[in-house]
């Protein structure tokens, strides 16, 4: 029976199954790493204020810590869906700030508005809040097949800009640990692929046997 298996298709399916199993194992390992990170994040808000990081990625030891930064001037605004501290949903307004003649600048979440396209009057200054990261719009595929740019640090302001509601402070509950679910999905995909290919091969071999029967 092994001799009658189609070599190239069998090899391709075997490689695909091995890759899916490997991804499942990787996600399973990532689950343990995420649990350890969540434990660190849970303790961070109670720690003393710390310096705002200049560049990303932000290490877990700094995420959710109290901090402050100085926005020399606002060079742009970004608005996207977000949640206010009172639990209402809206559009969070993120100021892209210059901090000097050169450098990476800084992102500040100045609060949540009821509609997009507002023009906050905030022009800069000293601002206090919590250290977070900019919204992650990277796809899972891009993170698997390439090395994307790290997320930049972002300060979630504790006091909103005029006309906006205070943004919700970062919470550990907002950091999902769904790596086990991803691992199970990859293992299921590998199992389904093996079953489907096995049935296809069985059907092919049965058909070959029938044609050779007297």
N, C-alpha and C. Protein backbone atom coordinates (compact mmCIF):
# COMPACT_ATOMS: atom_id res chain seq x y z
N UNK A 1 0.83 -1.21 0.00
CA UNK A 1 0.00 0.00 0.00
C UNK A 1 0.87 1.26 0.00
N UNK A 2 1.96 1.23 0.80
CA UNK A 2 2.83 2.40 0.87
C UNK A 2 3.43 2.71 -0.49
N UNK A 3 3.77 1.64 -1.24
CA UNK A 3 4.36 1.86 -2.57
C UNK A 3 3.39 2.53 -3.51
N UNK A 4 2.08 2.32 -3.31
CA UNK A 4 1.09 2.87 -4.23
C UNK A 4 0.65 4.28 -3.85
N UNK A 5 1.16 4.81 -2.71
CA UNK A 5 0.79 6.17 -2.34
C UNK A 5 1.40 7.16 -3.33
N UNK A 6 0.63 8.17 -3.76
CA UNK A 6 1.20 9.20 -4.64
C UNK A 6 2.27 9.99 -3.89
N UNK A 7 3.48 9.99 -4.38
CA UNK A 7 4.62 10.54 -3.64
C UNK A 7 4.50 12.04 -3.39
N UNK A 8 4.33 12.83 -4.46
CA UNK A 8 4.36 14.29 -4.31
C UNK A 8 3.19 14.79 -3.45
N UNK A 9 1.93 14.40 -3.75
CA UNK A 9 0.83 14.86 -2.90
C UNK A 9 1.00 14.44 -1.43
N UNK A 10 1.46 13.21 -1.21
CA UNK A 10 1.65 12.73 0.17
C UNK A 10 2.71 13.56 0.88
N UNK A 11 3.78 13.88 0.17
CA UNK A 11 4.84 14.69 0.76
C UNK A 11 4.34 16.09 1.11
N UNK A 12 3.58 16.70 0.18
CA UNK A 12 3.07 18.04 0.43
C UNK A 12 2.11 18.07 1.62
N UNK A 13 1.23 17.08 1.70
CA UNK A 13 0.28 17.02 2.81
C UNK A 13 1.02 16.78 4.12
N UNK A 14 2.04 15.92 4.10
CA UNK A 14 2.82 15.65 5.31
C UNK A 14 3.52 16.91 5.80
N UNK A 15 4.05 17.70 4.87
CA UNK A 15 4.72 18.95 5.25
C UNK A 15 3.71 19.93 5.84
N UNK A 16 2.54 20.02 5.19
CA UNK A 16 1.51 20.94 5.68
C UNK A 16 1.05 20.54 7.09
N UNK A 17 0.85 19.26 7.31
CA UNK A 17 0.43 18.78 8.64
C UNK A 17 1.51 19.07 9.68
N UNK A 18 2.77 18.86 9.31
CA UNK A 18 3.87 19.12 10.24
C UNK A 18 3.94 20.60 10.60
N UNK A 19 3.71 21.47 9.60
CA UNK A 19 3.72 22.91 9.85
C UNK A 19 2.58 23.28 10.80
N UNK A 20 1.38 22.74 10.57
CA UNK A 20 0.24 23.06 11.43
C UNK A 20 0.47 22.56 12.85
N UNK A 21 1.04 21.39 13.00
CA UNK A 21 1.35 20.89 14.35
C UNK A 21 2.40 21.78 15.02
N UNK A 22 3.39 22.21 14.25
CA UNK A 22 4.40 23.11 14.79
C UNK A 22 3.82 24.42 15.26
N UNK A 23 2.89 24.97 14.48
CA UNK A 23 2.22 26.20 14.89
C UNK A 23 1.39 25.99 16.15
N UNK A 24 0.76 24.83 16.25
CA UNK A 24 -0.02 24.53 17.45
C UNK A 24 0.86 24.45 18.69
N UNK A 25 2.03 23.81 18.55
CA UNK A 25 2.97 23.71 19.68
C UNK A 25 3.48 25.10 20.06
N UNK A 26 3.76 25.92 19.04
CA UNK A 26 4.25 27.29 19.30
C UNK A 26 3.20 28.10 20.05
N UNK A 27 1.94 28.00 19.64
CA UNK A 27 0.89 28.74 20.33
C UNK A 27 0.71 28.23 21.77
N UNK A 28 0.85 26.94 21.97
CA UNK A 28 0.73 26.36 23.32
C UNK A 28 1.82 26.93 24.22
N UNK A 29 3.04 27.02 23.70
CA UNK A 29 4.13 27.59 24.47
C UNK A 29 3.89 29.08 24.75
N UNK A 30 3.35 29.78 23.76
CA UNK A 30 3.06 31.20 23.93
C UNK A 30 2.04 31.44 25.03
N UNK A 31 1.15 30.49 25.27
CA UNK A 31 0.15 30.63 26.31
C UNK A 31 0.81 30.77 27.68
N UNK A 32 1.82 29.95 27.94
CA UNK A 32 2.53 30.04 29.21
C UNK A 32 3.25 31.37 29.35
N UNK A 33 3.84 31.85 28.26
CA UNK A 33 4.52 33.15 28.29
C UNK A 33 3.52 34.27 28.56
N UNK A 34 2.34 34.18 27.95
CA UNK A 34 1.33 35.22 28.15
C UNK A 34 0.82 35.23 29.59
N UNK A 35 0.65 34.06 30.19
CA UNK A 35 0.22 33.99 31.59
C UNK A 35 1.22 34.68 32.50
N UNK A 36 2.51 34.46 32.24
CA UNK A 36 3.54 35.12 33.04
C UNK A 36 3.50 36.63 32.85
N UNK A 37 3.27 37.08 31.62
CA UNK A 37 3.20 38.51 31.36
C UNK A 37 1.99 39.13 32.05
N UNK A 38 0.85 38.44 32.02
CA UNK A 38 -0.36 38.96 32.65
C UNK A 38 -0.15 39.12 34.16
N UNK A 39 0.58 38.20 34.76
CA UNK A 39 0.86 38.31 36.19
C UNK A 39 1.67 39.58 36.49
N UNK A 40 2.60 39.92 35.60
CA UNK A 40 3.39 41.14 35.77
C UNK A 40 2.49 42.37 35.59
N UNK A 41 1.65 42.36 34.56
CA UNK A 41 0.78 43.50 34.28
C UNK A 41 -0.19 43.76 35.43
N UNK A 42 -0.65 42.70 36.06
CA UNK A 42 -1.63 42.85 37.15
C UNK A 42 -1.04 43.66 38.31
N UNK A 43 0.26 43.56 38.52
CA UNK A 43 0.88 44.26 39.64
C UNK A 43 1.38 45.65 39.26
N UNK A 44 1.49 45.96 37.97
CA UNK A 44 2.11 47.21 37.54
C UNK A 44 1.37 48.49 37.95
N UNK A 45 0.03 48.56 37.87
CA UNK A 45 -0.63 49.83 38.20
C UNK A 45 -0.36 50.32 39.62
N UNK A 46 -0.06 49.43 40.55
CA UNK A 46 0.18 49.82 41.93
C UNK A 46 1.63 50.25 42.17
N UNK A 47 2.48 50.10 41.18
CA UNK A 47 3.89 50.47 41.34
C UNK A 47 4.08 51.97 41.16
N UNK A 48 5.20 52.52 41.64
CA UNK A 48 5.46 53.96 41.51
C UNK A 48 5.55 54.39 40.04
N UNK A 49 5.35 55.68 39.82
CA UNK A 49 5.45 56.24 38.48
C UNK A 49 6.86 56.03 37.93
N UNK A 50 6.95 55.85 36.62
CA UNK A 50 8.24 55.60 35.99
C UNK A 50 8.40 56.46 34.75
N UNK A 51 9.59 56.51 34.20
CA UNK A 51 9.85 57.30 32.99
C UNK A 51 9.13 56.69 31.80
N UNK A 52 8.68 57.56 30.91
CA UNK A 52 7.98 57.09 29.71
C UNK A 52 9.00 56.56 28.72
N UNK A 53 8.80 55.35 28.18
CA UNK A 53 9.77 54.77 27.24
C UNK A 53 9.81 55.54 25.93
N UNK A 54 11.00 55.66 25.38
CA UNK A 54 11.16 56.44 24.15
C UNK A 54 10.72 55.67 22.91
N UNK A 55 10.98 54.37 22.88
CA UNK A 55 10.68 53.58 21.70
C UNK A 55 10.07 52.25 22.13
N UNK A 56 9.45 51.56 21.17
CA UNK A 56 8.90 50.24 21.43
C UNK A 56 9.88 49.16 21.00
N UNK A 57 9.57 47.92 21.33
CA UNK A 57 8.38 47.50 22.08
C UNK A 57 8.50 47.82 23.57
N UNK A 58 7.34 47.99 24.20
CA UNK A 58 7.32 48.30 25.62
C UNK A 58 7.44 46.99 26.40
N UNK A 59 8.41 46.87 27.28
CA UNK A 59 8.54 45.62 28.06
C UNK A 59 7.38 45.48 29.03
N UNK A 60 6.99 44.25 29.36
CA UNK A 60 5.87 44.04 30.29
C UNK A 60 6.07 44.76 31.62
N UNK A 61 7.32 44.95 32.04
CA UNK A 61 7.59 45.60 33.33
C UNK A 61 7.16 47.06 33.36
N UNK A 62 6.94 47.65 32.17
CA UNK A 62 6.54 49.06 32.11
C UNK A 62 5.08 49.25 31.72
N UNK A 63 4.49 48.29 31.05
CA UNK A 63 3.10 48.43 30.63
C UNK A 63 2.18 48.62 31.83
N UNK A 64 1.23 49.55 31.69
CA UNK A 64 0.21 49.85 32.69
C UNK A 64 0.76 50.62 33.88
N UNK A 65 2.06 50.99 33.87
CA UNK A 65 2.62 51.79 34.94
C UNK A 65 2.20 53.25 34.78
N UNK A 66 2.12 53.99 35.88
CA UNK A 66 1.89 55.43 35.82
C UNK A 66 3.13 56.11 35.26
N UNK A 67 2.92 57.15 34.46
CA UNK A 67 4.04 57.86 33.86
C UNK A 67 3.56 59.23 33.39
N UNK A 68 4.48 60.00 32.85
CA UNK A 68 4.14 61.31 32.27
C UNK A 68 5.10 61.60 31.14
N UNK A 69 4.70 62.49 30.26
CA UNK A 69 5.55 62.88 29.15
C UNK A 69 5.18 64.30 28.75
N UNK A 70 6.02 64.90 27.93
CA UNK A 70 5.76 66.27 27.48
C UNK A 70 5.58 66.28 25.98
N UNK A 71 4.45 66.80 25.56
CA UNK A 71 4.16 66.95 24.13
C UNK A 71 4.53 68.37 23.72
N UNK A 72 5.57 68.49 22.92
CA UNK A 72 6.02 69.81 22.50
C UNK A 72 4.99 70.49 21.60
N UNK A 73 4.46 69.71 20.67
CA UNK A 73 3.39 70.20 19.80
C UNK A 73 2.71 69.02 19.14
N UNK A 74 1.43 69.17 18.81
CA UNK A 74 0.67 68.12 18.14
C UNK A 74 0.89 68.24 16.64
N UNK A 75 1.34 67.16 16.02
CA UNK A 75 1.58 67.18 14.58
C UNK A 75 0.49 66.42 13.82
N UNK A 76 -0.40 65.75 14.53
CA UNK A 76 -1.47 65.02 13.86
C UNK A 76 -2.37 64.33 14.87
N UNK A 77 -3.56 63.92 14.39
CA UNK A 77 -4.53 63.22 15.24
C UNK A 77 -4.97 61.93 14.55
N UNK A 78 -5.21 60.93 15.36
CA UNK A 78 -5.80 59.68 14.89
C UNK A 78 -7.04 59.42 15.72
N UNK A 79 -8.11 59.00 15.07
CA UNK A 79 -9.31 58.63 15.83
C UNK A 79 -9.78 57.25 15.38
N UNK A 80 -10.15 56.44 16.36
CA UNK A 80 -10.65 55.09 16.10
C UNK A 80 -11.47 54.63 17.29
N UNK A 81 -12.18 53.55 17.12
CA UNK A 81 -13.10 53.08 18.15
C UNK A 81 -12.37 52.86 19.47
N UNK A 82 -13.04 53.24 20.56
CA UNK A 82 -12.44 53.08 21.87
C UNK A 82 -13.48 53.20 22.97
N UNK A 83 -13.06 52.95 24.19
CA UNK A 83 -13.97 52.96 25.33
C UNK A 83 -13.55 54.03 26.33
N UNK A 84 -14.54 54.74 26.86
CA UNK A 84 -14.27 55.76 27.86
C UNK A 84 -14.21 55.14 29.25
N UNK A 85 -13.74 55.92 30.22
CA UNK A 85 -13.62 55.42 31.59
C UNK A 85 -14.97 55.09 32.20
N UNK A 86 -16.05 55.74 31.72
CA UNK A 86 -17.39 55.45 32.25
C UNK A 86 -18.03 54.24 31.59
N UNK A 87 -17.30 53.56 30.70
CA UNK A 87 -17.80 52.35 30.05
C UNK A 87 -18.46 52.59 28.71
N UNK A 88 -18.73 53.83 28.35
CA UNK A 88 -19.38 54.13 27.07
C UNK A 88 -18.38 53.97 25.93
N UNK A 89 -18.91 53.66 24.76
CA UNK A 89 -18.07 53.49 23.58
C UNK A 89 -18.11 54.76 22.73
N UNK A 90 -17.05 54.98 22.00
CA UNK A 90 -16.96 56.15 21.14
C UNK A 90 -15.72 56.07 20.29
N UNK A 91 -15.08 57.20 20.08
CA UNK A 91 -13.87 57.26 19.27
C UNK A 91 -12.75 57.90 20.08
N UNK A 92 -11.70 57.13 20.31
CA UNK A 92 -10.58 57.68 21.07
C UNK A 92 -9.72 58.53 20.16
N UNK A 93 -9.23 59.63 20.71
CA UNK A 93 -8.43 60.57 19.96
C UNK A 93 -6.99 60.49 20.43
N UNK A 94 -6.13 60.09 19.51
CA UNK A 94 -4.72 59.88 19.81
C UNK A 94 -3.92 60.98 19.14
N UNK A 95 -3.23 61.76 19.97
CA UNK A 95 -2.39 62.84 19.45
C UNK A 95 -1.01 62.31 19.11
N UNK A 96 -0.55 62.66 17.93
CA UNK A 96 0.82 62.36 17.53
C UNK A 96 1.65 63.60 17.83
N UNK A 97 2.53 63.48 18.82
CA UNK A 97 3.25 64.63 19.33
C UNK A 97 4.72 64.63 18.94
N UNK A 98 5.24 65.82 18.72
CA UNK A 98 6.68 66.00 18.59
C UNK A 98 7.23 66.29 19.98
N UNK A 99 8.40 65.74 20.25
CA UNK A 99 9.03 65.97 21.55
C UNK A 99 10.35 66.71 21.41
N UNK A 100 10.69 67.10 20.20
CA UNK A 100 11.93 67.82 19.94
C UNK A 100 12.14 67.94 18.45
N UNK A 101 13.28 68.47 18.08
CA UNK A 101 13.57 68.63 16.66
C UNK A 101 13.72 67.29 15.97
N UNK A 102 14.20 66.29 16.71
CA UNK A 102 14.37 64.96 16.17
C UNK A 102 13.79 63.95 17.16
N UNK A 103 13.80 62.69 16.77
CA UNK A 103 13.33 61.65 17.67
C UNK A 103 12.02 61.05 17.22
N UNK A 104 11.60 59.97 17.90
CA UNK A 104 10.40 59.24 17.47
C UNK A 104 9.09 59.91 17.83
N UNK A 105 9.12 60.97 18.67
CA UNK A 105 7.87 61.58 19.09
C UNK A 105 7.16 60.71 20.11
N UNK A 106 5.89 61.04 20.38
CA UNK A 106 5.14 60.30 21.38
C UNK A 106 3.67 60.30 21.00
N UNK A 107 2.96 59.23 21.36
CA UNK A 107 1.53 59.11 21.13
C UNK A 107 0.81 59.28 22.46
N UNK A 108 -0.27 60.08 22.46
CA UNK A 108 -1.04 60.31 23.68
C UNK A 108 -2.52 60.13 23.38
N UNK A 109 -3.16 59.21 24.11
CA UNK A 109 -4.61 59.02 24.00
C UNK A 109 -5.26 60.07 24.91
N UNK A 110 -5.84 61.11 24.30
CA UNK A 110 -6.36 62.25 25.05
C UNK A 110 -7.81 62.10 25.46
N UNK A 111 -8.47 61.00 25.12
CA UNK A 111 -9.85 60.81 25.53
C UNK A 111 -10.73 60.29 24.42
N UNK A 112 -12.01 60.20 24.72
CA UNK A 112 -12.98 59.57 23.81
C UNK A 112 -14.09 60.56 23.47
N UNK A 113 -14.37 60.68 22.19
CA UNK A 113 -15.46 61.53 21.72
C UNK A 113 -16.60 60.71 21.17
N UNK A 114 -17.75 61.35 20.97
CA UNK A 114 -18.92 60.63 20.51
C UNK A 114 -18.97 60.39 19.02
N UNK A 115 -18.13 61.05 18.26
CA UNK A 115 -18.14 60.88 16.81
C UNK A 115 -16.74 61.10 16.26
N UNK A 116 -16.46 60.57 15.07
CA UNK A 116 -15.13 60.76 14.48
C UNK A 116 -15.00 62.13 13.86
N UNK A 117 -13.78 62.53 13.56
CA UNK A 117 -13.54 63.76 12.83
C UNK A 117 -13.54 65.02 13.67
N UNK A 118 -13.55 64.89 14.99
CA UNK A 118 -13.50 66.08 15.84
C UNK A 118 -12.12 66.72 15.76
N UNK A 119 -12.04 67.98 16.12
CA UNK A 119 -10.77 68.70 16.13
C UNK A 119 -10.48 69.17 17.55
N UNK A 120 -9.89 68.30 18.38
CA UNK A 120 -9.59 68.70 19.76
C UNK A 120 -8.70 69.94 19.79
N UNK A 121 -8.95 70.79 20.77
CA UNK A 121 -8.19 72.03 20.88
C UNK A 121 -6.87 71.88 21.62
N UNK A 122 -6.58 70.69 22.10
CA UNK A 122 -5.35 70.46 22.85
C UNK A 122 -4.16 70.59 21.92
N UNK A 123 -3.17 71.39 22.31
CA UNK A 123 -2.01 71.64 21.44
C UNK A 123 -0.70 71.13 22.03
N UNK A 124 -0.75 70.53 23.22
CA UNK A 124 0.45 69.98 23.80
C UNK A 124 0.63 70.38 25.25
N UNK A 125 1.76 69.97 25.82
CA UNK A 125 2.06 70.26 27.21
C UNK A 125 2.37 69.00 27.98
N UNK A 126 2.53 69.15 29.28
CA UNK A 126 2.80 68.01 30.14
C UNK A 126 1.52 67.22 30.36
N UNK A 127 1.62 65.90 30.28
CA UNK A 127 0.44 65.06 30.43
C UNK A 127 0.81 63.82 31.24
N UNK A 128 -0.10 63.41 32.12
CA UNK A 128 0.12 62.25 32.96
C UNK A 128 -0.89 61.16 32.61
N UNK A 129 -0.53 59.91 32.91
CA UNK A 129 -1.44 58.81 32.63
C UNK A 129 -0.77 57.47 32.82
N UNK A 130 -1.14 56.52 31.97
CA UNK A 130 -0.63 55.15 32.07
C UNK A 130 0.08 54.77 30.77
N UNK A 131 1.13 53.99 30.91
CA UNK A 131 1.87 53.53 29.74
C UNK A 131 1.11 52.39 29.08
N UNK A 132 0.93 52.50 27.77
CA UNK A 132 0.30 51.44 26.98
C UNK A 132 1.05 51.36 25.65
N UNK A 133 0.47 50.65 24.71
CA UNK A 133 1.01 50.58 23.36
C UNK A 133 -0.03 51.09 22.38
N UNK A 134 0.43 51.56 21.24
CA UNK A 134 -0.49 52.01 20.22
C UNK A 134 -1.38 50.86 19.77
N UNK A 135 -2.58 51.15 19.23
CA UNK A 135 -3.47 50.08 18.75
C UNK A 135 -2.76 49.18 17.75
N UNK A 136 -2.97 47.88 17.91
CA UNK A 136 -2.30 46.88 17.08
C UNK A 136 -3.19 46.53 15.89
N UNK A 137 -2.79 46.99 14.71
CA UNK A 137 -3.54 46.69 13.49
C UNK A 137 -2.80 45.67 12.61
N UNK A 138 -1.77 45.05 13.17
CA UNK A 138 -1.03 44.04 12.42
C UNK A 138 -1.85 42.76 12.33
N UNK A 139 -1.84 42.14 11.16
CA UNK A 139 -2.58 40.89 11.00
C UNK A 139 -1.79 39.74 11.59
N UNK A 140 -2.51 38.67 11.96
CA UNK A 140 -1.84 37.48 12.48
C UNK A 140 -0.90 36.89 11.44
N UNK A 141 -1.31 36.93 10.17
CA UNK A 141 -0.47 36.37 9.11
C UNK A 141 0.84 37.13 8.99
N UNK A 142 0.77 38.48 9.07
CA UNK A 142 1.99 39.27 8.94
C UNK A 142 2.94 38.99 10.10
N UNK A 143 2.38 38.72 11.29
CA UNK A 143 3.24 38.44 12.44
C UNK A 143 3.87 37.05 12.34
N UNK A 144 3.25 36.15 11.55
CA UNK A 144 3.78 34.80 11.39
C UNK A 144 4.86 34.73 10.32
N UNK A 145 4.65 35.45 9.22
CA UNK A 145 5.53 35.28 8.06
C UNK A 145 6.59 36.36 7.94
N UNK A 146 6.50 37.43 8.72
CA UNK A 146 7.49 38.49 8.63
C UNK A 146 7.71 39.09 10.02
N UNK A 147 8.68 39.95 10.13
CA UNK A 147 8.97 40.61 11.40
C UNK A 147 8.45 42.04 11.33
N UNK A 148 7.23 42.29 11.82
CA UNK A 148 6.65 43.63 11.71
C UNK A 148 7.33 44.60 12.66
N UNK A 149 7.15 45.88 12.40
CA UNK A 149 7.68 46.91 13.27
C UNK A 149 7.03 46.79 14.65
N UNK A 150 7.80 46.99 15.72
CA UNK A 150 7.21 46.91 17.07
C UNK A 150 6.22 48.04 17.30
N UNK A 151 5.26 47.78 18.17
CA UNK A 151 4.27 48.81 18.51
C UNK A 151 4.94 49.91 19.32
N UNK A 152 4.54 51.15 19.06
CA UNK A 152 5.14 52.28 19.76
C UNK A 152 4.47 52.49 21.12
N UNK A 153 5.18 53.05 22.08
CA UNK A 153 4.57 53.36 23.37
C UNK A 153 3.48 54.43 23.19
N UNK A 154 2.46 54.36 24.00
CA UNK A 154 1.39 55.36 24.00
C UNK A 154 0.99 55.65 25.44
N UNK A 155 0.80 56.90 25.75
CA UNK A 155 0.35 57.29 27.09
C UNK A 155 -1.17 57.49 27.05
N UNK A 156 -1.89 56.80 27.94
CA UNK A 156 -3.33 57.01 28.08
C UNK A 156 -3.51 58.08 29.14
N UNK A 157 -3.93 59.26 28.73
CA UNK A 157 -4.02 60.40 29.65
C UNK A 157 -5.10 60.16 30.70
N UNK A 158 -4.77 60.48 31.95
CA UNK A 158 -5.75 60.34 33.03
C UNK A 158 -6.76 61.47 33.01
N UNK A 159 -6.37 62.63 32.48
CA UNK A 159 -7.28 63.77 32.34
C UNK A 159 -7.53 64.02 30.86
N UNK A 160 -8.79 64.07 30.41
CA UNK A 160 -9.06 64.20 28.98
C UNK A 160 -8.87 65.63 28.48
N UNK A 161 -8.73 65.76 27.17
CA UNK A 161 -8.73 67.08 26.54
C UNK A 161 -10.14 67.65 26.60
N UNK A 162 -10.24 68.96 26.46
CA UNK A 162 -11.53 69.63 26.51
C UNK A 162 -12.46 69.06 25.45
N UNK A 163 -13.70 68.73 25.85
CA UNK A 163 -14.69 68.20 24.91
C UNK A 163 -14.67 66.70 24.78
N UNK A 164 -13.76 66.02 25.45
CA UNK A 164 -13.66 64.56 25.38
C UNK A 164 -13.88 63.95 26.76
N UNK A 165 -14.29 62.69 26.79
CA UNK A 165 -14.37 61.94 28.03
C UNK A 165 -13.03 61.29 28.31
N UNK A 166 -12.75 61.05 29.57
CA UNK A 166 -11.52 60.35 29.92
C UNK A 166 -11.52 58.96 29.33
N UNK A 167 -10.39 58.56 28.76
CA UNK A 167 -10.28 57.23 28.19
C UNK A 167 -10.19 56.19 29.31
N UNK A 168 -10.65 55.00 29.02
CA UNK A 168 -10.57 53.92 30.00
C UNK A 168 -9.11 53.58 30.28
N UNK A 169 -8.73 53.50 31.53
CA UNK A 169 -7.34 53.10 31.83
C UNK A 169 -7.10 51.66 31.41
N UNK A 170 -5.87 51.28 31.17
CA UNK A 170 -5.60 49.90 30.75
C UNK A 170 -5.96 48.91 31.85
N UNK A 171 -6.50 47.77 31.46
CA UNK A 171 -6.88 46.72 32.39
C UNK A 171 -6.33 45.38 31.92
N UNK A 172 -5.98 44.55 32.89
CA UNK A 172 -5.45 43.23 32.56
C UNK A 172 -6.50 42.41 31.80
N UNK A 173 -7.77 42.64 32.12
CA UNK A 173 -8.85 41.89 31.46
C UNK A 173 -8.90 42.16 29.96
N UNK A 174 -8.29 43.26 29.52
CA UNK A 174 -8.28 43.59 28.09
C UNK A 174 -7.14 42.88 27.35
N UNK A 175 -6.32 42.14 28.07
CA UNK A 175 -5.21 41.42 27.45
C UNK A 175 -5.61 39.95 27.35
N UNK A 176 -6.08 39.50 26.19
CA UNK A 176 -6.57 38.12 26.08
C UNK A 176 -5.43 37.13 26.02
N UNK A 177 -5.66 35.97 26.60
CA UNK A 177 -4.72 34.85 26.43
C UNK A 177 -5.46 33.77 25.65
N UNK A 178 -5.49 33.95 24.33
CA UNK A 178 -6.22 33.03 23.47
C UNK A 178 -5.30 32.08 22.72
N UNK A 179 -4.08 31.93 23.22
CA UNK A 179 -3.12 31.08 22.51
C UNK A 179 -3.50 29.60 22.58
N UNK A 180 -4.13 29.18 23.69
CA UNK A 180 -4.57 27.79 23.78
C UNK A 180 -5.62 27.51 22.70
N UNK A 181 -6.55 28.46 22.51
CA UNK A 181 -7.58 28.29 21.47
C UNK A 181 -6.94 28.21 20.09
N UNK A 182 -5.93 29.06 19.83
CA UNK A 182 -5.23 29.00 18.55
C UNK A 182 -4.52 27.66 18.38
N UNK A 183 -3.91 27.17 19.47
CA UNK A 183 -3.21 25.88 19.40
C UNK A 183 -4.18 24.76 19.05
N UNK A 184 -5.33 24.75 19.72
CA UNK A 184 -6.33 23.71 19.45
C UNK A 184 -6.80 23.79 18.00
N UNK A 185 -6.98 25.01 17.50
CA UNK A 185 -7.39 25.16 16.09
C UNK A 185 -6.36 24.56 15.15
N UNK A 186 -5.06 24.84 15.38
CA UNK A 186 -4.03 24.29 14.49
C UNK A 186 -3.98 22.78 14.57
N UNK A 187 -4.15 22.22 15.79
CA UNK A 187 -4.16 20.76 15.92
C UNK A 187 -5.36 20.16 15.19
N UNK A 188 -6.52 20.83 15.30
CA UNK A 188 -7.70 20.36 14.59
C UNK A 188 -7.51 20.41 13.08
N UNK A 189 -6.92 21.51 12.59
CA UNK A 189 -6.65 21.62 11.16
C UNK A 189 -5.75 20.49 10.69
N UNK A 190 -4.73 20.17 11.50
CA UNK A 190 -3.81 19.09 11.13
C UNK A 190 -4.55 17.75 11.10
N UNK A 191 -5.40 17.52 12.11
CA UNK A 191 -6.16 16.27 12.14
C UNK A 191 -7.14 16.16 10.99
N UNK A 192 -7.83 17.25 10.68
CA UNK A 192 -8.79 17.24 9.57
C UNK A 192 -8.08 16.99 8.25
N UNK A 193 -6.93 17.65 8.07
CA UNK A 193 -6.17 17.45 6.83
C UNK A 193 -5.74 15.99 6.69
N UNK A 194 -5.30 15.39 7.79
CA UNK A 194 -4.88 13.99 7.74
C UNK A 194 -6.05 13.07 7.41
N UNK A 195 -7.21 13.34 8.02
CA UNK A 195 -8.39 12.49 7.76
C UNK A 195 -8.85 12.64 6.32
N UNK A 196 -8.93 13.87 5.83
CA UNK A 196 -9.39 14.10 4.46
C UNK A 196 -8.45 13.42 3.46
N UNK A 197 -7.15 13.59 3.68
CA UNK A 197 -6.21 12.98 2.74
C UNK A 197 -6.25 11.46 2.84
N UNK A 198 -6.41 10.95 4.06
CA UNK A 198 -6.51 9.51 4.22
C UNK A 198 -7.71 8.94 3.49
N UNK A 199 -8.84 9.62 3.58
CA UNK A 199 -10.04 9.16 2.87
C UNK A 199 -9.86 9.23 1.36
N UNK A 200 -9.19 10.32 0.92
CA UNK A 200 -8.96 10.45 -0.52
C UNK A 200 -8.05 9.34 -1.03
N UNK A 201 -7.00 9.04 -0.29
CA UNK A 201 -6.08 7.96 -0.69
C UNK A 201 -6.79 6.61 -0.66
N UNK A 202 -7.58 6.39 0.36
CA UNK A 202 -8.31 5.12 0.46
C UNK A 202 -9.25 4.95 -0.72
N UNK A 203 -9.94 6.03 -1.09
CA UNK A 203 -10.85 5.95 -2.23
C UNK A 203 -10.09 5.68 -3.53
N UNK A 204 -8.95 6.33 -3.66
CA UNK A 204 -8.15 6.14 -4.87
C UNK A 204 -7.64 4.70 -4.96
N UNK A 205 -7.13 4.17 -3.84
CA UNK A 205 -6.62 2.82 -3.84
C UNK A 205 -7.72 1.80 -4.08
N UNK A 206 -8.92 2.09 -3.51
CA UNK A 206 -10.05 1.18 -3.75
C UNK A 206 -10.43 1.17 -5.22
N UNK A 207 -10.39 2.35 -5.84
CA UNK A 207 -10.71 2.43 -7.26
C UNK A 207 -9.68 1.71 -8.12
N UNK A 208 -8.40 1.82 -7.71
CA UNK A 208 -7.34 1.12 -8.45
C UNK A 208 -7.51 -0.39 -8.35
N UNK A 209 -7.87 -0.86 -7.15
CA UNK A 209 -8.07 -2.28 -6.94
C UNK A 209 -9.24 -2.79 -7.78
N UNK A 210 -10.32 -2.03 -7.85
CA UNK A 210 -11.50 -2.44 -8.63
C UNK A 210 -11.17 -2.57 -10.10
N UNK A 211 -10.37 -1.63 -10.63
CA UNK A 211 -10.06 -1.68 -12.06
C UNK A 211 -9.15 -2.85 -12.41
N UNK A 212 -8.41 -3.34 -11.41
CA UNK A 212 -7.51 -4.46 -11.67
C UNK A 212 -8.18 -5.80 -11.40
N UNK A 213 -9.35 -5.78 -10.83
CA UNK A 213 -10.04 -7.05 -10.53
C UNK A 213 -10.51 -7.69 -11.81
N UNK A 214 -10.46 -9.04 -11.91
CA UNK A 214 -10.91 -9.74 -13.13
C UNK A 214 -12.42 -9.64 -13.25
